[in-house]
């Protein structure tokens, strides 16, 4: 319960404002995606993304126990896959 004249915020809110905002560090850079976002992008299941990641066939960045994916790397990989498939002999 706040008293008249109080805002209901900590007195330190002005000092701490923005300290936990990490978004600005990646602004203007390639965003990191999670497996679910990559799956949506490629219209596959997250299980497929995880499997391809484990087999090291999908470009990814390991951050401790987490895997993240650069959007540009996924798009470049997709372009290369299309070219590779086009070069394969058909029979």
C-alpha atoms as a PDB file:
ATOM      1  CA  UNK A   1       0.000   0.000   0.000  1.00  0.00           C
ATOM      2  CA  UNK A   2       1.377   3.377  -0.960  1.00  0.00           C
ATOM      3  CA  UNK A   3       0.925   6.522   1.000  1.00  0.00           C
ATOM      4  CA  UNK A   4      -0.203   9.796  -0.538  1.00  0.00           C
ATOM      5  CA  UNK A   5       2.734  11.330  -2.405  1.00  0.00           C
ATOM      6  CA  UNK A   6       4.579   8.006  -2.870  1.00  0.00           C
ATOM      7  CA  UNK A   7       4.968   6.350  -6.252  1.00  0.00           C
ATOM      8  CA  UNK A   8       5.206   2.763  -5.030  1.00  0.00           C
ATOM      9  CA  UNK A   9       8.725   2.364  -6.478  1.00  0.00           C
ATOM     10  CA  UNK A  10      11.996   1.754  -4.719  1.00  0.00           C
ATOM     11  CA  UNK A  11      14.020   4.852  -3.881  1.00  0.00           C
ATOM     12  CA  UNK A  12      16.843   3.331  -5.944  1.00  0.00           C
ATOM     13  CA  UNK A  13      14.792   3.045  -9.117  1.00  0.00           C
ATOM     14  CA  UNK A  14      16.386   6.176 -10.593  1.00  0.00           C
ATOM     15  CA  UNK A  15      19.880   4.866  -9.905  1.00  0.00           C
ATOM     16  CA  UNK A  16      19.136   1.392 -11.254  1.00  0.00           C
ATOM     17  CA  UNK A  17      17.122   2.518 -14.259  1.00  0.00           C
ATOM     18  CA  UNK A  18      18.480   0.795 -17.378  1.00  0.00           C
ATOM     19  CA  UNK A  19      21.048  -1.396 -15.620  1.00  0.00           C
ATOM     20  CA  UNK A  20      19.310  -4.587 -16.692  1.00  0.00           C
ATOM     21  CA  UNK A  21      18.563  -3.414 -20.223  1.00  0.00           C
ATOM     22  CA  UNK A  22      20.885  -5.454 -22.440  1.00  0.00           C
ATOM     23  CA  UNK A  23      18.999  -4.917 -25.676  1.00  0.00           C
ATOM     24  CA  UNK A  24      21.057  -1.890 -26.697  1.00  0.00           C
ATOM     25  CA  UNK A  25      24.222  -4.007 -26.904  1.00  0.00           C
ATOM     26  CA  UNK A  26      22.840  -6.006 -29.835  1.00  0.00           C
ATOM     27  CA  UNK A  27      21.074  -3.116 -31.524  1.00  0.00           C
ATOM     28  CA  UNK A  28      22.335  -2.762 -35.069  1.00  0.00           C
ATOM     29  CA  UNK A  29      23.868  -6.251 -34.947  1.00  0.00           C
ATOM     30  CA  UNK A  30      22.526  -9.569 -36.046  1.00  0.00           C
ATOM     31  CA  UNK A  31      19.946 -10.834 -33.552  1.00  0.00           C
ATOM     32  CA  UNK A  32      20.371 -14.195 -31.862  1.00  0.00           C
ATOM     33  CA  UNK A  33      17.478 -16.623 -32.262  1.00  0.00           C
ATOM     34  CA  UNK A  34      16.414 -19.591 -30.163  1.00  0.00           C
ATOM     35  CA  UNK A  35      15.634 -23.005 -31.685  1.00  0.00           C
ATOM     36  CA  UNK A  36      11.888 -22.362 -31.744  1.00  0.00           C
ATOM     37  CA  UNK A  37      12.365 -19.183 -33.767  1.00  0.00           C
ATOM     38  CA  UNK A  38      14.645 -20.974 -36.225  1.00  0.00           C
ATOM     39  CA  UNK A  39      12.068 -23.761 -36.509  1.00  0.00           C
ATOM     40  CA  UNK A  40       9.351 -21.224 -37.340  1.00  0.00           C
ATOM     41  CA  UNK A  41      11.633 -19.526 -39.844  1.00  0.00           C
ATOM     42  CA  UNK A  42      12.386 -22.818 -41.629  1.00  0.00           C
ATOM     43  CA  UNK A  43       8.909 -24.293 -41.058  1.00  0.00           C
ATOM     44  CA  UNK A  44      10.280 -27.376 -39.328  1.00  0.00           C
ATOM     45  CA  UNK A  45       9.954 -28.708 -35.781  1.00  0.00           C
ATOM     46  CA  UNK A  46      12.193 -27.550 -32.939  1.00  0.00           C
ATOM     47  CA  UNK A  47      13.264 -31.208 -32.573  1.00  0.00           C
ATOM     48  CA  UNK A  48      14.659 -31.089 -36.127  1.00  0.00           C
ATOM     49  CA  UNK A  49      16.583 -27.902 -35.307  1.00  0.00           C
ATOM     50  CA  UNK A  50      18.038 -29.497 -32.159  1.00  0.00           C
ATOM     51  CA  UNK A  51      18.974 -32.652 -34.084  1.00  0.00           C
ATOM     52  CA  UNK A  52      20.729 -30.739 -36.850  1.00  0.00           C
ATOM     53  CA  UNK A  53      22.490 -28.641 -34.228  1.00  0.00           C
ATOM     54  CA  UNK A  54      23.740 -31.743 -32.366  1.00  0.00           C
ATOM     55  CA  UNK A  55      24.983 -33.175 -35.678  1.00  0.00           C
ATOM     56  CA  UNK A  56      26.735 -29.830 -36.314  1.00  0.00           C
ATOM     57  CA  UNK A  57      24.918 -29.379 -39.635  1.00  0.00           C
ATOM     58  CA  UNK A  58      23.237 -26.113 -38.688  1.00  0.00           C
ATOM     59  CA  UNK A  59      25.278 -22.981 -37.866  1.00  0.00           C
ATOM     60  CA  UNK A  60      24.972 -22.095 -34.200  1.00  0.00           C
ATOM     61  CA  UNK A  61      26.711 -20.397 -31.303  1.00  0.00           C
ATOM     62  CA  UNK A  62      27.104 -22.225 -28.019  1.00  0.00           C
ATOM     63  CA  UNK A  63      26.694 -20.082 -24.909  1.00  0.00           C
ATOM     64  CA  UNK A  64      27.390 -22.468 -22.071  1.00  0.00           C
ATOM     65  CA  UNK A  65      24.631 -25.029 -22.221  1.00  0.00           C
ATOM     66  CA  UNK A  66      22.534 -22.903 -24.577  1.00  0.00           C
ATOM     67  CA  UNK A  67      22.577 -22.800 -28.355  1.00  0.00           C
ATOM     68  CA  UNK A  68      21.690 -19.664 -30.235  1.00  0.00           C
ATOM     69  CA  UNK A  69      21.468 -18.996 -33.939  1.00  0.00           C
ATOM     70  CA  UNK A  70      22.364 -15.874 -35.896  1.00  0.00           C
ATOM     71  CA  UNK A  71      19.609 -15.013 -38.341  1.00  0.00           C
ATOM     72  CA  UNK A  72      22.135 -14.101 -41.057  1.00  0.00           C
ATOM     73  CA  UNK A  73      24.006 -17.405 -40.579  1.00  0.00           C
ATOM     74  CA  UNK A  74      20.789 -19.398 -40.932  1.00  0.00           C
ATOM     75  CA  UNK A  75      19.836 -17.513 -44.098  1.00  0.00           C
ATOM     76  CA  UNK A  76      23.340 -18.000 -45.557  1.00  0.00           C
ATOM     77  CA  UNK A  77      23.196 -21.711 -44.683  1.00  0.00           C
ATOM     78  CA  UNK A  78      19.817 -21.983 -46.413  1.00  0.00           C
ATOM     79  CA  UNK A  79      21.223 -20.319 -49.552  1.00  0.00           C
ATOM     80  CA  UNK A  80      24.166 -22.752 -49.564  1.00  0.00           C
ATOM     81  CA  UNK A  81      21.828 -25.723 -49.104  1.00  0.00           C
ATOM     82  CA  UNK A  82      19.787 -24.600 -52.107  1.00  0.00           C
ATOM     83  CA  UNK A  83      22.953 -24.309 -54.211  1.00  0.00           C
ATOM     84  CA  UNK A  84      24.252 -27.685 -53.003  1.00  0.00           C
ATOM     85  CA  UNK A  85      20.963 -29.402 -53.827  1.00  0.00           C
ATOM     86  CA  UNK A  86      20.860 -27.755 -57.266  1.00  0.00           C
ATOM     87  CA  UNK A  87      24.355 -29.157 -58.038  1.00  0.00           C
ATOM     88  CA  UNK A  88      23.430 -32.736 -57.052  1.00  0.00           C
ATOM     89  CA  UNK A  89      22.735 -35.042 -59.968  1.00  0.00           C
ATOM     90  CA  UNK A  90      19.130 -36.023 -60.357  1.00  0.00           C
ATOM     91  CA  UNK A  91      18.221 -39.499 -61.274  1.00  0.00           C
END
